[in-house]
N, C-alpha and C. Protein backbone atom coordinates (compact mmCIF):
# COMPACT_ATOMS: atom_id res chain seq x y z
N MET A 1 -198.73 193.43 -23.00
CA MET A 1 -199.88 194.24 -22.59
C MET A 1 -199.71 194.63 -21.12
N THR A 2 -199.90 195.89 -20.81
CA THR A 2 -199.76 196.38 -19.45
C THR A 2 -201.09 196.91 -18.96
N ALA A 3 -201.45 196.55 -17.76
CA ALA A 3 -202.74 196.92 -17.22
C ALA A 3 -202.81 198.40 -16.92
N GLY A 4 -204.03 198.93 -17.01
CA GLY A 4 -204.27 200.30 -16.65
C GLY A 4 -205.34 200.35 -15.58
N PRO A 5 -206.00 201.50 -15.39
CA PRO A 5 -207.04 201.60 -14.38
C PRO A 5 -208.13 200.57 -14.61
N VAL A 6 -208.71 200.09 -13.54
CA VAL A 6 -209.75 199.07 -13.63
C VAL A 6 -211.04 199.61 -13.07
N SER A 7 -212.15 199.06 -13.56
CA SER A 7 -213.47 199.48 -13.10
C SER A 7 -214.07 198.33 -12.31
N LEU A 8 -214.15 198.49 -10.99
CA LEU A 8 -214.69 197.47 -10.11
C LEU A 8 -215.64 198.11 -9.11
N ASP A 9 -216.76 197.43 -8.83
CA ASP A 9 -217.58 197.89 -7.72
C ASP A 9 -216.87 197.50 -6.43
N ILE A 10 -217.41 197.90 -5.30
CA ILE A 10 -216.71 197.67 -4.04
C ILE A 10 -216.53 196.19 -3.76
N ASP A 11 -217.53 195.36 -4.10
CA ASP A 11 -217.39 193.92 -3.87
C ASP A 11 -216.29 193.34 -4.75
N GLY A 12 -216.22 193.80 -5.99
CA GLY A 12 -215.17 193.32 -6.88
C GLY A 12 -213.80 193.74 -6.41
N LEU A 13 -213.69 194.95 -5.89
CA LEU A 13 -212.41 195.45 -5.40
C LEU A 13 -211.94 194.64 -4.19
N LEU A 14 -212.87 194.34 -3.29
CA LEU A 14 -212.52 193.62 -2.07
C LEU A 14 -212.16 192.16 -2.34
N THR A 15 -212.71 191.58 -3.38
CA THR A 15 -212.44 190.16 -3.66
C THR A 15 -211.39 189.95 -4.73
N ARG A 16 -210.92 191.02 -5.35
CA ARG A 16 -209.97 190.88 -6.45
C ARG A 16 -208.75 191.79 -6.24
N THR A 17 -208.31 191.86 -5.01
CA THR A 17 -207.07 192.59 -4.69
C THR A 17 -206.10 191.61 -4.05
N PRO A 18 -205.45 190.79 -4.89
CA PRO A 18 -204.55 189.77 -4.36
C PRO A 18 -203.15 190.33 -4.10
N THR A 19 -202.33 189.53 -3.44
CA THR A 19 -200.91 189.81 -3.38
C THR A 19 -200.31 189.53 -4.75
N VAL A 20 -199.64 190.52 -5.31
CA VAL A 20 -199.07 190.37 -6.66
C VAL A 20 -197.54 190.36 -6.55
N ARG A 21 -196.94 189.25 -6.93
CA ARG A 21 -195.49 189.14 -6.92
C ARG A 21 -194.97 188.91 -8.34
N HIS A 22 -195.41 187.82 -8.96
CA HIS A 22 -194.89 187.46 -10.28
C HIS A 22 -195.34 188.42 -11.38
N ARG A 23 -196.46 189.07 -11.18
CA ARG A 23 -197.04 189.87 -12.27
C ARG A 23 -196.87 191.38 -12.08
N LEU A 24 -195.93 191.77 -11.26
CA LEU A 24 -195.59 193.19 -11.20
C LEU A 24 -194.75 193.56 -12.42
N ASP A 25 -195.09 194.67 -13.05
CA ASP A 25 -194.33 195.15 -14.21
C ASP A 25 -193.09 195.88 -13.69
N LEU A 26 -191.95 195.24 -13.82
CA LEU A 26 -190.71 195.78 -13.26
C LEU A 26 -190.05 196.82 -14.16
N SER A 27 -190.62 197.02 -15.35
CA SER A 27 -190.00 197.94 -16.32
C SER A 27 -190.74 199.27 -16.44
N ARG A 28 -191.90 199.38 -15.83
CA ARG A 28 -192.72 200.59 -16.01
C ARG A 28 -192.71 201.42 -14.73
N PRO A 29 -192.21 202.63 -14.78
CA PRO A 29 -192.22 203.49 -13.58
C PRO A 29 -193.65 203.81 -13.14
N VAL A 30 -193.82 204.03 -11.86
CA VAL A 30 -195.11 204.45 -11.31
C VAL A 30 -195.00 205.92 -10.93
N PRO A 31 -195.83 206.77 -11.51
CA PRO A 31 -195.73 208.21 -11.21
C PRO A 31 -195.95 208.52 -9.73
N ARG A 32 -195.18 209.43 -9.22
CA ARG A 32 -195.33 209.82 -7.81
C ARG A 32 -196.73 210.35 -7.50
N PRO A 33 -197.35 211.16 -8.37
CA PRO A 33 -198.70 211.65 -8.06
C PRO A 33 -199.71 210.53 -7.86
N LEU A 34 -199.52 209.40 -8.56
CA LEU A 34 -200.43 208.28 -8.42
C LEU A 34 -200.29 207.64 -7.03
N ILE A 35 -199.06 207.49 -6.58
CA ILE A 35 -198.83 206.97 -5.23
C ILE A 35 -199.39 207.94 -4.19
N ALA A 36 -199.20 209.24 -4.44
CA ALA A 36 -199.71 210.24 -3.50
C ALA A 36 -201.23 210.18 -3.40
N GLN A 37 -201.92 209.96 -4.52
CA GLN A 37 -203.37 209.81 -4.50
C GLN A 37 -203.80 208.66 -3.61
N CYS A 38 -203.12 207.53 -3.76
CA CYS A 38 -203.47 206.34 -2.98
C CYS A 38 -203.21 206.56 -1.49
N LEU A 39 -202.11 207.22 -1.17
CA LEU A 39 -201.80 207.50 0.23
C LEU A 39 -202.77 208.52 0.83
N GLN A 40 -203.20 209.49 0.03
CA GLN A 40 -204.17 210.47 0.52
C GLN A 40 -205.46 209.78 0.93
N LEU A 41 -205.89 208.80 0.14
CA LEU A 41 -207.08 208.04 0.49
C LEU A 41 -206.83 207.18 1.73
N ALA A 42 -205.63 206.63 1.84
CA ALA A 42 -205.29 205.77 2.98
C ALA A 42 -205.36 206.53 4.30
N LEU A 43 -205.12 207.83 4.26
CA LEU A 43 -205.13 208.62 5.50
C LEU A 43 -206.51 208.73 6.12
N HIS A 44 -207.54 208.33 5.39
CA HIS A 44 -208.89 208.36 5.94
C HIS A 44 -209.23 207.10 6.71
N ALA A 45 -208.31 206.15 6.80
CA ALA A 45 -208.57 204.90 7.50
C ALA A 45 -208.69 205.13 9.00
N PRO A 46 -209.49 204.30 9.67
CA PRO A 46 -209.59 204.42 11.13
C PRO A 46 -208.27 204.04 11.80
N ASN A 47 -208.03 204.64 12.95
CA ASN A 47 -206.80 204.35 13.69
C ASN A 47 -207.04 204.65 15.16
N GLY A 48 -206.23 204.04 16.01
CA GLY A 48 -206.44 204.13 17.45
C GLY A 48 -206.44 205.56 17.97
N GLY A 49 -207.54 205.97 18.61
CA GLY A 49 -207.63 207.29 19.20
C GLY A 49 -207.54 208.43 18.20
N ASN A 50 -207.65 208.11 16.91
CA ASN A 50 -207.48 209.10 15.84
C ASN A 50 -206.18 209.89 16.02
N ARG A 51 -205.15 209.22 16.53
CA ARG A 51 -203.87 209.91 16.75
C ARG A 51 -203.09 210.10 15.47
N GLN A 52 -203.37 209.27 14.47
CA GLN A 52 -202.70 209.38 13.17
C GLN A 52 -201.18 209.38 13.32
N ASN A 53 -200.69 208.45 14.11
CA ASN A 53 -199.25 208.35 14.37
C ASN A 53 -198.49 207.60 13.27
N TRP A 54 -199.17 207.27 12.20
CA TRP A 54 -198.53 206.55 11.11
C TRP A 54 -197.58 207.45 10.33
N ARG A 55 -196.61 206.84 9.71
CA ARG A 55 -195.71 207.51 8.78
C ARG A 55 -195.47 206.58 7.60
N PHE A 56 -195.36 207.16 6.40
CA PHE A 56 -195.15 206.37 5.19
C PHE A 56 -193.94 206.92 4.44
N LEU A 57 -193.03 206.06 4.13
CA LEU A 57 -191.85 206.43 3.37
C LEU A 57 -191.94 205.79 2.00
N VAL A 58 -191.99 206.61 0.95
CA VAL A 58 -192.06 206.11 -0.43
C VAL A 58 -190.65 206.07 -1.01
N ILE A 59 -190.27 204.92 -1.51
CA ILE A 59 -188.90 204.72 -1.99
C ILE A 59 -188.94 204.34 -3.46
N ASP A 60 -188.46 205.25 -4.31
CA ASP A 60 -188.34 204.94 -5.74
C ASP A 60 -186.92 205.14 -6.25
N ASP A 61 -185.99 205.47 -5.36
CA ASP A 61 -184.59 205.61 -5.73
C ASP A 61 -183.98 204.21 -5.91
N PRO A 62 -183.39 203.92 -7.08
CA PRO A 62 -182.88 202.57 -7.34
C PRO A 62 -181.83 202.10 -6.33
N GLU A 63 -180.94 202.98 -5.93
CA GLU A 63 -179.89 202.58 -5.00
C GLU A 63 -180.47 202.23 -3.62
N THR A 64 -181.44 203.01 -3.18
CA THR A 64 -182.06 202.73 -1.89
C THR A 64 -182.88 201.45 -1.95
N ARG A 65 -183.60 201.26 -3.04
CA ARG A 65 -184.35 200.01 -3.21
C ARG A 65 -183.41 198.81 -3.16
N ALA A 66 -182.27 198.94 -3.81
CA ALA A 66 -181.31 197.84 -3.84
C ALA A 66 -180.79 197.53 -2.44
N GLY A 67 -180.57 198.57 -1.64
CA GLY A 67 -180.10 198.35 -0.27
C GLY A 67 -181.12 197.63 0.57
N ILE A 68 -182.38 198.03 0.44
CA ILE A 68 -183.44 197.35 1.18
C ILE A 68 -183.58 195.92 0.70
N ALA A 69 -183.45 195.72 -0.61
CA ALA A 69 -183.60 194.38 -1.18
C ALA A 69 -182.56 193.41 -0.63
N LEU A 70 -181.36 193.88 -0.35
CA LEU A 70 -180.33 193.00 0.22
C LEU A 70 -180.78 192.47 1.59
N HIS A 71 -181.30 193.35 2.42
CA HIS A 71 -181.77 192.92 3.73
C HIS A 71 -183.01 192.03 3.59
N TYR A 72 -183.87 192.37 2.66
CA TYR A 72 -185.08 191.58 2.47
C TYR A 72 -184.75 190.17 1.99
N ARG A 73 -183.79 190.06 1.09
CA ARG A 73 -183.40 188.74 0.58
C ARG A 73 -182.80 187.89 1.69
N ALA A 74 -181.95 188.49 2.51
CA ALA A 74 -181.35 187.75 3.62
C ALA A 74 -182.42 187.26 4.59
N ALA A 75 -183.38 188.12 4.90
CA ALA A 75 -184.45 187.75 5.82
C ALA A 75 -185.34 186.67 5.21
N SER A 76 -185.63 186.77 3.92
CA SER A 76 -186.47 185.78 3.25
C SER A 76 -185.79 184.42 3.19
N ASP A 77 -184.49 184.42 2.91
CA ASP A 77 -183.74 183.16 2.88
C ASP A 77 -183.77 182.49 4.25
N ALA A 78 -183.58 183.29 5.29
CA ALA A 78 -183.60 182.73 6.64
C ALA A 78 -184.99 182.20 7.00
N TYR A 79 -186.01 182.92 6.58
CA TYR A 79 -187.39 182.48 6.85
C TYR A 79 -187.69 181.16 6.17
N LEU A 80 -187.33 181.04 4.89
CA LEU A 80 -187.60 179.80 4.16
C LEU A 80 -186.79 178.64 4.71
N ALA A 81 -185.56 178.92 5.12
CA ALA A 81 -184.72 177.87 5.67
C ALA A 81 -185.27 177.34 7.00
N ALA A 82 -185.94 178.20 7.75
CA ALA A 82 -186.45 177.80 9.06
C ALA A 82 -187.88 177.26 9.01
N THR A 83 -188.53 177.36 7.85
CA THR A 83 -189.92 176.93 7.72
C THR A 83 -189.98 175.49 7.24
N PRO A 84 -190.70 174.61 7.94
CA PRO A 84 -190.84 173.23 7.47
C PRO A 84 -191.43 173.18 6.07
N PRO A 85 -190.94 172.28 5.22
CA PRO A 85 -191.41 172.22 3.83
C PRO A 85 -192.92 172.07 3.71
N GLU A 86 -193.53 171.34 4.64
CA GLU A 86 -194.97 171.10 4.55
C GLU A 86 -195.79 172.33 4.94
N ALA A 87 -195.15 173.34 5.50
CA ALA A 87 -195.89 174.52 5.98
C ALA A 87 -196.25 175.47 4.86
N LEU A 88 -195.54 175.41 3.75
CA LEU A 88 -195.80 176.31 2.62
C LEU A 88 -195.94 175.50 1.34
N SER A 89 -196.86 175.92 0.49
CA SER A 89 -197.00 175.28 -0.81
C SER A 89 -195.85 175.67 -1.72
N GLU A 90 -195.62 174.90 -2.77
CA GLU A 90 -194.57 175.24 -3.73
C GLU A 90 -194.83 176.60 -4.36
N LYS A 91 -196.10 176.90 -4.59
CA LYS A 91 -196.45 178.20 -5.17
C LYS A 91 -196.08 179.33 -4.22
N ALA A 92 -196.35 179.13 -2.94
CA ALA A 92 -196.04 180.17 -1.95
C ALA A 92 -194.53 180.39 -1.85
N VAL A 93 -193.78 179.30 -1.84
CA VAL A 93 -192.32 179.40 -1.78
C VAL A 93 -191.78 180.11 -3.01
N ALA A 94 -192.33 179.76 -4.17
CA ALA A 94 -191.89 180.40 -5.41
C ALA A 94 -192.17 181.89 -5.39
N GLY A 95 -193.31 182.27 -4.83
CA GLY A 95 -193.65 183.69 -4.75
C GLY A 95 -192.72 184.46 -3.83
N VAL A 96 -192.40 183.86 -2.69
CA VAL A 96 -191.48 184.50 -1.76
C VAL A 96 -190.11 184.68 -2.40
N ARG A 97 -189.62 183.63 -3.04
CA ARG A 97 -188.31 183.69 -3.67
C ARG A 97 -188.27 184.71 -4.80
N HIS A 98 -189.35 184.75 -5.58
CA HIS A 98 -189.39 185.68 -6.71
C HIS A 98 -189.33 187.12 -6.22
N LEU A 99 -190.13 187.45 -5.21
CA LEU A 99 -190.12 188.83 -4.72
C LEU A 99 -188.77 189.17 -4.11
N ALA A 100 -188.17 188.21 -3.40
CA ALA A 100 -186.85 188.45 -2.80
C ALA A 100 -185.80 188.70 -3.88
N ASP A 101 -185.90 187.96 -4.98
CA ASP A 101 -184.92 188.11 -6.06
C ASP A 101 -185.12 189.38 -6.87
N GLN A 102 -186.36 189.90 -6.90
CA GLN A 102 -186.68 191.01 -7.79
C GLN A 102 -187.04 192.31 -7.06
N LEU A 103 -186.97 192.31 -5.74
CA LEU A 103 -187.42 193.49 -5.01
C LEU A 103 -186.69 194.76 -5.43
N HIS A 104 -185.41 194.63 -5.75
CA HIS A 104 -184.64 195.81 -6.14
C HIS A 104 -185.15 196.43 -7.44
N ARG A 105 -185.92 195.65 -8.22
CA ARG A 105 -186.44 196.14 -9.51
C ARG A 105 -187.87 196.65 -9.40
N VAL A 106 -188.53 196.39 -8.28
CA VAL A 106 -189.91 196.86 -8.12
C VAL A 106 -189.92 198.38 -8.14
N PRO A 107 -190.77 199.00 -8.95
CA PRO A 107 -190.70 200.45 -9.13
C PRO A 107 -190.82 201.28 -7.85
N VAL A 108 -191.71 200.87 -6.95
CA VAL A 108 -191.95 201.67 -5.75
C VAL A 108 -192.08 200.74 -4.54
N LEU A 109 -191.44 201.12 -3.45
CA LEU A 109 -191.64 200.47 -2.16
C LEU A 109 -192.22 201.49 -1.20
N VAL A 110 -193.23 201.09 -0.47
CA VAL A 110 -193.84 201.96 0.54
C VAL A 110 -193.60 201.32 1.90
N LEU A 111 -192.84 202.01 2.72
CA LEU A 111 -192.50 201.53 4.06
C LEU A 111 -193.39 202.23 5.07
N ALA A 112 -194.15 201.45 5.83
CA ALA A 112 -195.08 202.02 6.80
C ALA A 112 -194.53 201.86 8.20
N GLY A 113 -194.70 202.90 9.00
CA GLY A 113 -194.25 202.86 10.38
C GLY A 113 -195.20 203.61 11.28
N ILE A 114 -194.92 203.55 12.58
CA ILE A 114 -195.75 204.24 13.55
C ILE A 114 -194.84 204.86 14.61
N ARG A 115 -195.24 206.02 15.09
CA ARG A 115 -194.44 206.70 16.09
C ARG A 115 -194.43 205.90 17.40
N GLY A 116 -193.25 205.77 17.99
CA GLY A 116 -193.13 205.09 19.27
C GLY A 116 -192.64 203.66 19.13
N ARG A 117 -192.36 203.05 20.27
CA ARG A 117 -191.97 201.65 20.31
C ARG A 117 -192.67 201.00 21.50
N LEU A 118 -193.10 199.78 21.31
CA LEU A 118 -193.75 199.06 22.39
C LEU A 118 -192.72 198.61 23.42
N PRO A 119 -193.08 198.64 24.70
CA PRO A 119 -192.18 198.07 25.70
C PRO A 119 -192.11 196.55 25.54
N HIS A 120 -191.06 195.96 26.02
CA HIS A 120 -190.88 194.51 25.87
C HIS A 120 -191.98 193.72 26.57
N ASP A 121 -192.58 194.31 27.60
CA ASP A 121 -193.64 193.61 28.32
C ASP A 121 -195.02 194.11 27.91
N ALA A 122 -195.15 194.60 26.69
CA ALA A 122 -196.44 195.12 26.22
C ALA A 122 -197.50 194.03 26.28
N THR A 123 -198.68 194.41 26.72
CA THR A 123 -199.79 193.46 26.78
C THR A 123 -200.30 193.17 25.38
N LEU A 124 -201.09 192.12 25.27
CA LEU A 124 -201.68 191.77 23.98
C LEU A 124 -202.54 192.92 23.45
N ALA A 125 -203.28 193.57 24.35
CA ALA A 125 -204.12 194.69 23.93
C ALA A 125 -203.26 195.84 23.40
N GLN A 126 -202.14 196.11 24.05
CA GLN A 126 -201.25 197.17 23.58
C GLN A 126 -200.67 196.83 22.21
N GLN A 127 -200.25 195.60 22.03
CA GLN A 127 -199.70 195.18 20.75
C GLN A 127 -200.74 195.30 19.63
N SER A 128 -201.94 194.80 19.92
CA SER A 128 -202.98 194.83 18.90
C SER A 128 -203.35 196.25 18.52
N GLY A 129 -203.51 197.12 19.52
CA GLY A 129 -203.86 198.51 19.24
C GLY A 129 -202.76 199.25 18.51
N PHE A 130 -201.51 198.94 18.84
CA PHE A 130 -200.36 199.62 18.24
C PHE A 130 -200.28 199.32 16.75
N PHE A 131 -200.20 198.05 16.41
CA PHE A 131 -200.07 197.69 15.00
C PHE A 131 -201.39 197.84 14.23
N GLY A 132 -202.49 197.64 14.96
CA GLY A 132 -203.79 197.79 14.31
C GLY A 132 -204.12 199.21 13.92
N SER A 133 -203.34 200.17 14.39
CA SER A 133 -203.56 201.56 14.01
C SER A 133 -202.95 201.90 12.65
N VAL A 134 -202.22 200.96 12.08
CA VAL A 134 -201.58 201.19 10.78
C VAL A 134 -202.18 200.32 9.69
N TYR A 135 -202.54 199.09 10.02
CA TYR A 135 -202.95 198.15 8.99
C TYR A 135 -204.21 198.55 8.21
N PRO A 136 -205.22 199.17 8.83
CA PRO A 136 -206.34 199.63 8.01
C PRO A 136 -205.90 200.61 6.92
N ALA A 137 -204.96 201.50 7.23
CA ALA A 137 -204.47 202.44 6.22
C ALA A 137 -203.70 201.72 5.12
N LEU A 138 -202.94 200.70 5.49
CA LEU A 138 -202.22 199.93 4.48
C LEU A 138 -203.19 199.24 3.52
N TRP A 139 -204.25 198.67 4.06
CA TRP A 139 -205.23 198.00 3.21
C TRP A 139 -205.96 199.01 2.32
N SER A 140 -206.29 200.17 2.88
CA SER A 140 -206.90 201.21 2.05
C SER A 140 -205.96 201.63 0.92
N PHE A 141 -204.69 201.76 1.23
CA PHE A 141 -203.71 202.10 0.20
C PHE A 141 -203.69 201.04 -0.90
N MET A 142 -203.71 199.77 -0.52
CA MET A 142 -203.64 198.69 -1.50
C MET A 142 -204.91 198.64 -2.35
N LEU A 143 -206.06 198.90 -1.76
CA LEU A 143 -207.30 198.94 -2.53
C LEU A 143 -207.29 200.11 -3.51
N ALA A 144 -206.83 201.27 -3.04
CA ALA A 144 -206.75 202.43 -3.93
C ALA A 144 -205.79 202.16 -5.08
N ALA A 145 -204.69 201.51 -4.79
CA ALA A 145 -203.73 201.16 -5.83
C ALA A 145 -204.33 200.20 -6.84
N ARG A 146 -205.05 199.21 -6.34
CA ARG A 146 -205.70 198.22 -7.23
C ARG A 146 -206.66 198.90 -8.18
N SER A 147 -207.44 199.86 -7.68
CA SER A 147 -208.43 200.54 -8.52
C SER A 147 -207.77 201.39 -9.59
N ARG A 148 -206.48 201.66 -9.45
CA ARG A 148 -205.75 202.46 -10.42
C ARG A 148 -204.81 201.62 -11.28
N GLY A 149 -205.06 200.31 -11.31
CA GLY A 149 -204.29 199.43 -12.18
C GLY A 149 -202.96 198.99 -11.62
N LEU A 150 -202.74 199.20 -10.32
CA LEU A 150 -201.48 198.81 -9.70
C LEU A 150 -201.66 197.52 -8.92
N GLY A 151 -200.57 196.77 -8.81
CA GLY A 151 -200.54 195.59 -7.98
C GLY A 151 -199.69 195.85 -6.75
N THR A 152 -199.98 195.15 -5.67
CA THR A 152 -199.25 195.35 -4.43
C THR A 152 -198.93 194.01 -3.77
N ALA A 153 -197.88 194.02 -2.99
CA ALA A 153 -197.52 192.85 -2.18
C ALA A 153 -197.03 193.36 -0.83
N LEU A 154 -197.80 193.09 0.21
CA LEU A 154 -197.41 193.51 1.56
C LEU A 154 -196.55 192.42 2.18
N THR A 155 -195.46 192.84 2.80
CA THR A 155 -194.56 191.88 3.43
C THR A 155 -193.99 192.47 4.72
N THR A 156 -193.60 191.57 5.62
CA THR A 156 -192.97 192.00 6.87
C THR A 156 -191.62 191.34 7.07
N ALA A 157 -191.15 190.59 6.08
CA ALA A 157 -189.91 189.82 6.24
C ALA A 157 -188.72 190.71 6.59
N HIS A 158 -188.70 191.91 6.03
CA HIS A 158 -187.55 192.79 6.25
C HIS A 158 -187.38 193.21 7.70
N LEU A 159 -188.45 193.02 8.51
CA LEU A 159 -188.38 193.45 9.90
C LEU A 159 -187.36 192.66 10.71
N ALA A 160 -186.92 191.53 10.18
CA ALA A 160 -185.81 190.82 10.83
C ALA A 160 -184.54 191.65 10.81
N HIS A 161 -184.50 192.64 9.91
CA HIS A 161 -183.36 193.56 9.79
C HIS A 161 -183.85 195.00 9.95
N GLU A 162 -184.78 195.22 10.87
CA GLU A 162 -185.40 196.54 11.00
C GLU A 162 -184.37 197.64 11.24
N ARG A 163 -183.43 197.39 12.13
CA ARG A 163 -182.45 198.43 12.48
C ARG A 163 -181.57 198.78 11.29
N GLU A 164 -181.17 197.75 10.52
CA GLU A 164 -180.33 198.01 9.36
C GLU A 164 -181.07 198.83 8.30
N VAL A 165 -182.35 198.48 8.07
CA VAL A 165 -183.15 199.23 7.10
C VAL A 165 -183.37 200.66 7.61
N ALA A 166 -183.61 200.81 8.90
CA ALA A 166 -183.79 202.15 9.48
C ALA A 166 -182.56 203.01 9.24
N ALA A 167 -181.39 202.44 9.45
CA ALA A 167 -180.15 203.19 9.24
C ALA A 167 -179.99 203.57 7.78
N LEU A 168 -180.42 202.68 6.90
CA LEU A 168 -180.27 202.93 5.45
C LEU A 168 -181.11 204.11 4.99
N VAL A 169 -182.32 204.24 5.52
CA VAL A 169 -183.24 205.28 5.04
C VAL A 169 -183.42 206.43 6.02
N GLY A 170 -182.68 206.42 7.13
CA GLY A 170 -182.71 207.55 8.05
C GLY A 170 -183.85 207.56 9.04
N ILE A 171 -184.44 206.41 9.32
CA ILE A 171 -185.51 206.36 10.32
C ILE A 171 -184.88 206.34 11.72
N PRO A 172 -185.30 207.23 12.63
CA PRO A 172 -184.81 207.16 14.01
C PRO A 172 -185.45 205.96 14.70
N ALA A 173 -184.72 204.84 14.75
CA ALA A 173 -185.30 203.56 15.15
C ALA A 173 -185.81 203.53 16.58
N ASP A 174 -185.30 204.39 17.44
CA ASP A 174 -185.78 204.41 18.82
C ASP A 174 -187.08 205.20 18.97
N ALA A 175 -187.44 205.94 17.93
CA ALA A 175 -188.63 206.78 18.00
C ALA A 175 -189.77 206.27 17.11
N PHE A 176 -189.44 205.44 16.11
CA PHE A 176 -190.45 204.93 15.19
C PHE A 176 -190.27 203.43 15.00
N THR A 177 -191.38 202.74 14.86
CA THR A 177 -191.38 201.30 14.62
C THR A 177 -191.86 201.02 13.20
N GLN A 178 -191.08 200.28 12.44
CA GLN A 178 -191.53 199.87 11.13
C GLN A 178 -192.58 198.78 11.28
N VAL A 179 -193.60 198.80 10.42
CA VAL A 179 -194.71 197.86 10.51
C VAL A 179 -194.75 196.92 9.32
N ALA A 180 -194.57 197.44 8.12
CA ALA A 180 -194.68 196.61 6.92
C ALA A 180 -194.07 197.34 5.73
N LEU A 181 -193.82 196.56 4.70
CA LEU A 181 -193.31 197.08 3.43
C LEU A 181 -194.25 196.64 2.33
N VAL A 182 -194.63 197.56 1.45
CA VAL A 182 -195.51 197.22 0.34
C VAL A 182 -194.79 197.46 -0.98
N ALA A 183 -194.66 196.41 -1.77
CA ALA A 183 -194.10 196.53 -3.12
C ALA A 183 -195.23 196.94 -4.06
N VAL A 184 -194.96 197.92 -4.91
CA VAL A 184 -196.01 198.50 -5.77
C VAL A 184 -195.52 198.61 -7.20
N GLY A 185 -196.36 198.21 -8.14
CA GLY A 185 -196.04 198.38 -9.55
C GLY A 185 -197.28 198.14 -10.39
N TYR A 186 -197.22 198.58 -11.62
CA TYR A 186 -198.27 198.19 -12.56
C TYR A 186 -198.24 196.68 -12.72
N THR A 187 -199.34 196.12 -13.17
CA THR A 187 -199.39 194.67 -13.38
C THR A 187 -199.26 194.35 -14.86
N THR A 188 -198.74 193.19 -15.15
CA THR A 188 -198.59 192.73 -16.52
C THR A 188 -199.77 191.86 -16.90
N GLY A 189 -200.12 191.86 -18.18
CA GLY A 189 -201.20 191.02 -18.65
C GLY A 189 -202.56 191.55 -18.25
N ASP A 190 -203.56 190.67 -18.31
CA ASP A 190 -204.93 191.03 -17.99
C ASP A 190 -205.05 191.32 -16.51
N CYS A 191 -205.60 192.48 -16.18
CA CYS A 191 -205.71 192.89 -14.77
C CYS A 191 -206.99 192.37 -14.12
N GLY A 192 -207.77 191.57 -14.85
CA GLY A 192 -209.02 191.08 -14.30
C GLY A 192 -208.82 189.86 -13.42
N PHE A 193 -208.13 190.03 -12.30
CA PHE A 193 -207.88 188.92 -11.40
C PHE A 193 -209.19 188.26 -10.97
N ARG A 194 -209.15 186.94 -10.85
CA ARG A 194 -210.31 186.22 -10.32
C ARG A 194 -210.41 186.46 -8.82
N PRO A 195 -211.60 186.22 -8.25
CA PRO A 195 -211.71 186.33 -6.80
C PRO A 195 -210.68 185.43 -6.11
N THR A 196 -210.06 185.94 -5.07
CA THR A 196 -209.05 185.17 -4.36
C THR A 196 -209.70 183.94 -3.70
N PRO A 197 -209.12 182.75 -3.87
CA PRO A 197 -209.71 181.55 -3.26
C PRO A 197 -209.59 181.59 -1.74
N ARG A 198 -210.66 181.26 -1.07
CA ARG A 198 -210.69 181.27 0.38
C ARG A 198 -211.50 180.08 0.90
N GLN A 199 -211.34 179.77 2.17
CA GLN A 199 -212.09 178.70 2.80
C GLN A 199 -213.58 179.04 2.81
N PRO A 200 -214.43 178.02 2.86
CA PRO A 200 -215.87 178.28 2.98
C PRO A 200 -216.16 179.06 4.26
N LEU A 201 -217.12 179.95 4.18
CA LEU A 201 -217.47 180.78 5.33
C LEU A 201 -217.80 179.92 6.55
N HIS A 202 -218.49 178.82 6.33
CA HIS A 202 -218.91 177.96 7.44
C HIS A 202 -217.73 177.43 8.23
N ASP A 203 -216.60 177.26 7.56
CA ASP A 203 -215.43 176.68 8.23
C ASP A 203 -214.73 177.66 9.17
N VAL A 204 -214.97 178.92 9.00
CA VAL A 204 -214.20 179.92 9.77
C VAL A 204 -215.08 180.85 10.60
N VAL A 205 -216.38 180.70 10.53
CA VAL A 205 -217.29 181.59 11.25
C VAL A 205 -218.18 180.79 12.18
N SER A 206 -218.31 181.22 13.42
CA SER A 206 -219.28 180.65 14.35
C SER A 206 -220.07 181.79 14.97
N TRP A 207 -221.19 181.45 15.57
CA TRP A 207 -222.10 182.46 16.12
C TRP A 207 -222.35 182.18 17.60
N ASN A 208 -222.08 183.18 18.42
CA ASN A 208 -222.42 183.16 19.85
C ASN A 208 -221.62 182.18 20.69
N GLY A 209 -220.72 181.44 20.09
CA GLY A 209 -219.87 180.53 20.83
C GLY A 209 -218.77 180.02 19.92
N TRP A 210 -217.57 179.86 20.47
CA TRP A 210 -216.41 179.46 19.64
C TRP A 210 -216.54 178.02 19.18
N ARG A 211 -216.27 177.81 17.90
CA ARG A 211 -216.25 176.47 17.32
C ARG A 211 -214.93 176.29 16.58
N SER A 212 -214.10 175.36 17.01
CA SER A 212 -212.79 175.15 16.40
C SER A 212 -212.95 174.55 15.01
């Protein structure tokens, strides 16, 4: 059984858009017009100064996907090797490994970038504004994809090989900065994901003064 469009109110959409790795349908192509619809909606996201300096590269060519997957797998292996075992759950490790092993088969990859590069001495405010001008659009894209029966997994592991990926897909690396990669595909099985488990609100929210 393969999932199709889903009917969710806004609260359901916001609480039932998980990272999907194991349940991406690797055998079903995703039509380009469907990806274009999701990106068109993503362009309405807020961004710094309304400059709209974002760029999105959609990759559905098998050979190009395979090339990116090689760099992604190398970066993921290095990340897992350097991460203490207690820092990640077995489920999290399994998810990372699965996506690394299967990325070349994921029907669509969406590579997000932004015009320009931060100086090495960029302030925290500069860094936050720079990357924060892209992430709202990425989340809008993922929500739009979810509402159309697609699953997504946002990752940044490939950025360890940013220059190599840039050369592979023709990005002028001195003029554009890659921000994230989103794996996109239809989902397998029942698409009625449960709300994503999260910490109690009380544990992470304080009012008028910081509480650790």
